[in-house]
N, C-alpha and C. Protein backbone atom coordinates (compact mmCIF):
# COMPACT_ATOMS: atom_id res chain seq x y z
N MET A 1 140.54 134.27 108.43
CA MET A 1 140.87 134.17 109.84
C MET A 1 139.81 134.92 110.65
N VAL A 2 139.27 134.25 111.64
CA VAL A 2 138.26 134.87 112.50
C VAL A 2 138.97 135.44 113.72
N GLU A 3 138.74 136.71 113.97
CA GLU A 3 139.37 137.39 115.09
C GLU A 3 138.81 136.87 116.43
N PRO A 4 139.64 136.77 117.46
CA PRO A 4 139.18 136.25 118.76
C PRO A 4 138.05 137.04 119.41
N HIS A 5 137.89 138.31 119.08
CA HIS A 5 136.82 139.11 119.68
C HIS A 5 135.51 138.99 118.90
N SER A 6 135.51 138.28 117.78
CA SER A 6 134.31 138.10 116.96
C SER A 6 133.39 137.04 117.56
N PRO A 7 132.07 137.24 117.49
CA PRO A 7 131.14 136.20 117.92
C PRO A 7 131.30 134.91 117.11
N ASN A 8 131.87 135.00 115.91
CA ASN A 8 132.09 133.82 115.08
C ASN A 8 133.35 133.04 115.45
N TYR A 9 134.06 133.49 116.47
CA TYR A 9 135.29 132.81 116.89
C TYR A 9 134.95 131.67 117.85
N LEU A 10 135.53 130.52 117.60
CA LEU A 10 135.41 129.39 118.52
C LEU A 10 136.81 129.01 119.00
N HIS A 11 137.01 129.05 120.29
CA HIS A 11 138.29 128.63 120.86
C HIS A 11 138.44 127.13 120.67
N PRO A 12 139.63 126.66 120.36
CA PRO A 12 139.83 125.22 120.13
C PRO A 12 139.41 124.34 121.32
N SER A 13 139.39 124.88 122.51
CA SER A 13 139.02 124.07 123.68
C SER A 13 137.51 123.94 123.84
N LYS A 14 136.73 124.67 123.06
CA LYS A 14 135.28 124.64 123.16
C LYS A 14 134.74 123.58 122.20
N GLY A 15 134.23 122.49 122.76
CA GLY A 15 133.72 121.41 121.93
C GLY A 15 132.23 121.20 122.12
N PRO A 16 131.62 120.33 121.31
CA PRO A 16 130.19 120.11 121.38
C PRO A 16 129.72 119.46 122.68
N GLY A 17 130.60 118.82 123.41
CA GLY A 17 130.22 118.18 124.67
C GLY A 17 130.30 119.10 125.87
N MET A 18 130.67 120.35 125.66
CA MET A 18 130.86 121.29 126.76
C MET A 18 129.53 121.63 127.45
N MET A 19 129.57 121.69 128.76
CA MET A 19 128.41 122.11 129.55
C MET A 19 128.59 123.58 129.87
N ILE A 20 127.69 124.43 129.38
CA ILE A 20 127.83 125.87 129.61
C ILE A 20 127.28 126.28 130.97
N THR A 21 126.49 125.39 131.59
CA THR A 21 125.97 125.64 132.93
C THR A 21 125.60 124.30 133.56
N THR A 22 125.49 124.28 134.86
CA THR A 22 125.08 123.05 135.54
C THR A 22 123.56 122.96 135.67
N VAL A 23 122.85 124.03 135.33
CA VAL A 23 121.40 124.04 135.42
C VAL A 23 120.83 123.37 134.16
N ILE A 24 120.13 122.28 134.37
CA ILE A 24 119.51 121.54 133.27
C ILE A 24 118.03 121.91 133.21
N PHE A 25 117.56 122.27 132.02
CA PHE A 25 116.16 122.63 131.85
C PHE A 25 115.32 121.36 131.85
N ASP A 26 114.35 121.29 132.80
CA ASP A 26 113.53 120.10 132.95
C ASP A 26 112.06 120.33 132.58
N GLY A 27 111.75 121.48 132.03
CA GLY A 27 110.38 121.80 131.66
C GLY A 27 109.67 122.65 132.69
N LYS A 28 110.27 122.78 133.88
CA LYS A 28 109.64 123.54 134.96
C LYS A 28 110.46 124.75 135.40
N ASN A 29 111.71 124.78 135.07
CA ASN A 29 112.60 125.83 135.57
C ASN A 29 113.09 126.75 134.46
N TYR A 30 112.19 127.12 133.54
CA TYR A 30 112.59 127.90 132.37
C TYR A 30 113.21 129.24 132.74
N ASP A 31 112.60 129.97 133.67
CA ASP A 31 113.11 131.31 134.00
C ASP A 31 114.56 131.26 134.48
N LEU A 32 114.85 130.35 135.40
CA LEU A 32 116.22 130.21 135.90
C LEU A 32 117.15 129.75 134.78
N TRP A 33 116.72 128.74 134.04
CA TRP A 33 117.54 128.19 132.97
C TRP A 33 117.87 129.26 131.92
N GLU A 34 116.86 130.02 131.51
CA GLU A 34 117.07 131.08 130.52
C GLU A 34 118.11 132.08 131.03
N ARG A 35 117.98 132.45 132.27
CA ARG A 35 118.90 133.44 132.86
C ARG A 35 120.34 132.95 132.88
N VAL A 36 120.55 131.71 133.34
CA VAL A 36 121.93 131.21 133.44
C VAL A 36 122.53 130.91 132.07
N VAL A 37 121.71 130.46 131.12
CA VAL A 37 122.22 130.21 129.78
C VAL A 37 122.59 131.52 129.09
N LYS A 38 121.74 132.53 129.22
CA LYS A 38 122.06 133.84 128.63
C LYS A 38 123.35 134.41 129.24
N THR A 39 123.51 134.26 130.54
CA THR A 39 124.73 134.75 131.19
C THR A 39 125.95 134.01 130.66
N ALA A 40 125.84 132.69 130.52
CA ALA A 40 126.96 131.90 130.01
C ALA A 40 127.30 132.27 128.57
N LEU A 41 126.27 132.42 127.74
CA LEU A 41 126.52 132.78 126.34
C LEU A 41 127.08 134.19 126.20
N LYS A 42 126.62 135.09 127.04
CA LYS A 42 127.15 136.46 127.02
C LYS A 42 128.64 136.45 127.38
N SER A 43 129.01 135.63 128.34
CA SER A 43 130.42 135.57 128.75
C SER A 43 131.31 135.02 127.64
N LYS A 44 130.73 134.29 126.71
CA LYS A 44 131.48 133.71 125.59
C LYS A 44 131.27 134.50 124.29
N ASN A 45 130.59 135.64 124.38
CA ASN A 45 130.32 136.50 123.23
C ASN A 45 129.47 135.78 122.17
N LYS A 46 128.52 134.96 122.63
CA LYS A 46 127.67 134.20 121.71
C LYS A 46 126.19 134.51 121.88
N LEU A 47 125.83 135.42 122.77
CA LEU A 47 124.44 135.75 123.02
C LEU A 47 123.73 136.27 121.77
N VAL A 48 124.48 136.90 120.89
CA VAL A 48 123.89 137.46 119.66
C VAL A 48 123.25 136.39 118.78
N PHE A 49 123.66 135.14 118.92
CA PHE A 49 123.08 134.06 118.13
C PHE A 49 121.66 133.75 118.59
N VAL A 50 121.43 133.64 119.89
CA VAL A 50 120.08 133.33 120.37
C VAL A 50 119.16 134.54 120.26
N GLU A 51 119.73 135.73 120.30
CA GLU A 51 118.94 136.94 120.15
C GLU A 51 118.62 137.25 118.69
N GLY A 52 119.31 136.58 117.77
CA GLY A 52 119.08 136.81 116.34
C GLY A 52 119.72 138.08 115.83
N LYS A 53 120.67 138.62 116.57
CA LYS A 53 121.33 139.87 116.16
C LYS A 53 122.47 139.65 115.18
N LEU A 54 122.92 138.42 115.07
CA LEU A 54 124.00 138.11 114.13
C LEU A 54 123.45 137.10 113.13
N ILE A 55 123.23 137.57 111.92
CA ILE A 55 122.63 136.70 110.91
C ILE A 55 123.72 136.09 110.04
N ARG A 56 123.36 135.00 109.40
CA ARG A 56 124.30 134.32 108.51
C ARG A 56 124.42 135.11 107.22
N LEU A 57 125.63 135.43 106.84
CA LEU A 57 125.88 136.11 105.58
C LEU A 57 125.80 135.12 104.43
N LYS A 58 125.53 135.61 103.26
CA LYS A 58 125.50 134.76 102.07
C LYS A 58 126.91 134.26 101.79
N ASP A 59 126.98 133.05 101.22
CA ASP A 59 128.28 132.53 100.81
C ASP A 59 128.83 133.39 99.70
N GLY A 60 130.08 133.75 99.83
CA GLY A 60 130.73 134.56 98.80
C GLY A 60 131.42 133.68 97.77
N ASN A 61 132.04 134.31 96.82
CA ASN A 61 132.78 133.58 95.80
C ASN A 61 134.23 133.35 96.21
N ASP A 62 134.57 133.82 97.41
CA ASP A 62 135.96 133.71 97.84
C ASP A 62 136.33 132.25 98.15
N GLU A 63 137.54 131.91 97.84
CA GLU A 63 138.08 130.59 98.14
C GLU A 63 138.46 130.54 99.60
N GLY A 64 138.39 129.38 100.19
CA GLY A 64 138.81 129.23 101.57
C GLY A 64 137.66 129.42 102.54
N PHE A 65 138.01 129.71 103.75
CA PHE A 65 137.05 129.80 104.86
C PHE A 65 136.32 131.13 104.82
N SER A 66 134.98 131.10 104.85
CA SER A 66 134.20 132.33 104.77
C SER A 66 133.50 132.63 106.08
N GLU A 67 132.97 133.83 106.19
CA GLU A 67 132.19 134.23 107.37
C GLU A 67 130.95 133.35 107.52
N ALA A 68 130.34 132.97 106.39
CA ALA A 68 129.17 132.10 106.44
C ALA A 68 129.53 130.74 107.03
N GLN A 69 130.68 130.21 106.67
CA GLN A 69 131.12 128.94 107.22
C GLN A 69 131.42 129.06 108.72
N ALA A 70 132.00 130.17 109.10
CA ALA A 70 132.28 130.41 110.52
C ALA A 70 130.97 130.48 111.30
N TRP A 71 129.99 131.20 110.74
CA TRP A 71 128.68 131.31 111.40
C TRP A 71 128.04 129.93 111.54
N ASP A 72 128.11 129.11 110.50
CA ASP A 72 127.54 127.76 110.54
C ASP A 72 128.19 126.92 111.63
N MET A 73 129.50 127.02 111.75
CA MET A 73 130.22 126.26 112.77
C MET A 73 129.79 126.67 114.18
N VAL A 74 129.73 127.97 114.42
CA VAL A 74 129.35 128.45 115.75
C VAL A 74 127.89 128.11 116.04
N ASN A 75 127.02 128.29 115.07
CA ASN A 75 125.61 127.95 115.26
C ASN A 75 125.46 126.48 115.64
N SER A 76 126.16 125.60 114.95
CA SER A 76 126.09 124.17 115.25
C SER A 76 126.62 123.88 116.65
N MET A 77 127.69 124.54 117.02
CA MET A 77 128.25 124.35 118.35
C MET A 77 127.27 124.81 119.42
N LEU A 78 126.63 125.95 119.20
CA LEU A 78 125.66 126.46 120.17
C LEU A 78 124.45 125.54 120.28
N CYS A 79 124.00 124.98 119.18
CA CYS A 79 122.91 124.00 119.25
C CYS A 79 123.32 122.82 120.13
N SER A 80 124.54 122.36 119.98
CA SER A 80 125.05 121.27 120.81
C SER A 80 125.08 121.67 122.28
N TRP A 81 125.56 122.87 122.55
CA TRP A 81 125.62 123.34 123.94
C TRP A 81 124.23 123.41 124.56
N LEU A 82 123.25 123.88 123.78
CA LEU A 82 121.89 123.95 124.30
C LEU A 82 121.32 122.55 124.54
N PHE A 83 121.59 121.61 123.64
CA PHE A 83 121.14 120.23 123.86
C PHE A 83 121.70 119.68 125.17
N ASN A 84 122.94 120.05 125.46
CA ASN A 84 123.60 119.53 126.67
C ASN A 84 122.96 120.02 127.96
N VAL A 85 122.21 121.10 127.90
CA VAL A 85 121.57 121.64 129.11
C VAL A 85 120.05 121.49 129.06
N LEU A 86 119.58 120.55 128.23
CA LEU A 86 118.16 120.20 128.17
C LEU A 86 117.99 118.78 128.71
N ASN A 87 116.93 118.56 129.45
CA ASN A 87 116.57 117.23 129.89
C ASN A 87 116.37 116.35 128.66
N LEU A 88 116.75 115.09 128.76
CA LEU A 88 116.65 114.18 127.62
C LEU A 88 115.25 114.13 127.02
N LYS A 89 114.23 114.22 127.84
CA LYS A 89 112.85 114.16 127.35
C LYS A 89 112.46 115.38 126.54
N LEU A 90 113.15 116.51 126.74
CA LEU A 90 112.80 117.74 126.04
C LEU A 90 113.58 117.94 124.74
N ARG A 91 114.62 117.18 124.55
CA ARG A 91 115.48 117.38 123.37
C ARG A 91 114.75 117.17 122.05
N MET A 92 113.84 116.21 122.02
CA MET A 92 113.12 115.95 120.77
C MET A 92 112.24 117.12 120.34
N ASN A 93 111.85 117.97 121.30
CA ASN A 93 111.04 119.14 120.96
C ASN A 93 111.76 120.09 120.02
N VAL A 94 113.08 120.13 120.10
CA VAL A 94 113.85 121.09 119.31
C VAL A 94 114.95 120.44 118.48
N ALA A 95 114.91 119.12 118.38
CA ALA A 95 115.99 118.38 117.71
C ALA A 95 116.18 118.75 116.25
N TYR A 96 115.13 119.20 115.59
CA TYR A 96 115.22 119.48 114.16
C TYR A 96 115.27 120.97 113.84
N SER A 97 115.60 121.78 114.83
CA SER A 97 115.77 123.22 114.61
C SER A 97 117.07 123.45 113.85
N ASP A 98 117.01 124.28 112.82
CA ASP A 98 118.19 124.53 112.00
C ASP A 98 119.15 125.53 112.62
N THR A 99 118.62 126.43 113.44
CA THR A 99 119.48 127.45 114.02
C THR A 99 119.25 127.54 115.52
N THR A 100 120.22 128.11 116.19
CA THR A 100 120.12 128.34 117.62
C THR A 100 118.95 129.27 117.92
N LYS A 101 118.73 130.26 117.10
CA LYS A 101 117.64 131.21 117.28
C LYS A 101 116.29 130.51 117.23
N ILE A 102 116.10 129.64 116.25
CA ILE A 102 114.84 128.90 116.13
C ILE A 102 114.64 128.01 117.36
N MET A 103 115.70 127.33 117.78
CA MET A 103 115.63 126.46 118.95
C MET A 103 115.25 127.27 120.19
N TRP A 104 115.93 128.39 120.37
CA TRP A 104 115.70 129.26 121.54
C TRP A 104 114.27 129.78 121.55
N ASP A 105 113.81 130.28 120.41
CA ASP A 105 112.45 130.83 120.33
C ASP A 105 111.39 129.77 120.57
N ASP A 106 111.63 128.56 120.08
CA ASP A 106 110.68 127.47 120.28
C ASP A 106 110.57 127.13 121.77
N LEU A 107 111.69 127.01 122.44
CA LEU A 107 111.66 126.72 123.88
C LEU A 107 110.97 127.85 124.65
N LYS A 108 111.28 129.08 124.27
CA LYS A 108 110.68 130.23 124.95
C LYS A 108 109.16 130.22 124.77
N LYS A 109 108.72 129.99 123.55
CA LYS A 109 107.29 129.98 123.25
C LYS A 109 106.57 128.88 124.04
N ARG A 110 107.19 127.72 124.15
CA ARG A 110 106.56 126.59 124.84
C ARG A 110 106.55 126.73 126.35
N TYR A 111 107.60 127.31 126.92
CA TYR A 111 107.79 127.19 128.37
C TYR A 111 107.77 128.50 129.15
N THR A 112 107.81 129.64 128.50
CA THR A 112 107.77 130.88 129.27
C THR A 112 106.38 131.09 129.82
N ILE A 113 106.33 131.58 131.02
CA ILE A 113 105.05 131.86 131.67
C ILE A 113 105.00 133.33 132.02
N ALA A 114 104.00 134.01 131.49
CA ALA A 114 103.85 135.43 131.78
C ALA A 114 103.39 135.57 133.22
N ASN A 115 104.16 136.32 133.99
CA ASN A 115 103.85 136.52 135.39
C ASN A 115 104.17 137.96 135.71
N THR A 116 103.20 138.84 135.57
CA THR A 116 103.41 140.28 135.75
C THR A 116 103.96 140.63 137.13
N PRO A 117 103.41 140.09 138.22
CA PRO A 117 103.97 140.45 139.53
C PRO A 117 105.44 140.03 139.65
N LYS A 118 105.82 138.88 139.06
CA LYS A 118 107.19 138.42 139.15
C LYS A 118 108.14 139.36 138.40
N ILE A 119 107.68 139.92 137.29
CA ILE A 119 108.51 140.85 136.50
C ILE A 119 108.86 142.08 137.32
N HIS A 120 107.90 142.58 138.07
CA HIS A 120 108.14 143.78 138.88
C HIS A 120 108.88 143.42 140.12
């Protein structure tokens, strides 16, 4: 049983078609998109997946539902949520990413623009 306060918990009402934000990443609005997606994921206790702070545990010998299976389910759901807030033309760039972290890092690497004055 996954506790409701765990990042591995998925509420039954949260499905793969859910839109976590109305801001769609179109290749030009990465800074805004990153900010609103991080805020949405933080509100759902899922930010640790894109930050890479919650890693998948090895499958144990225990029968039944494991933490690794829970992690796999949430990771897959988060990949779906991220696809839902990407422009259709950009989805193929990350379609074959195995984890949310890989997907997130790939988008960041491709689209983040270093702007020192903007940071300050």
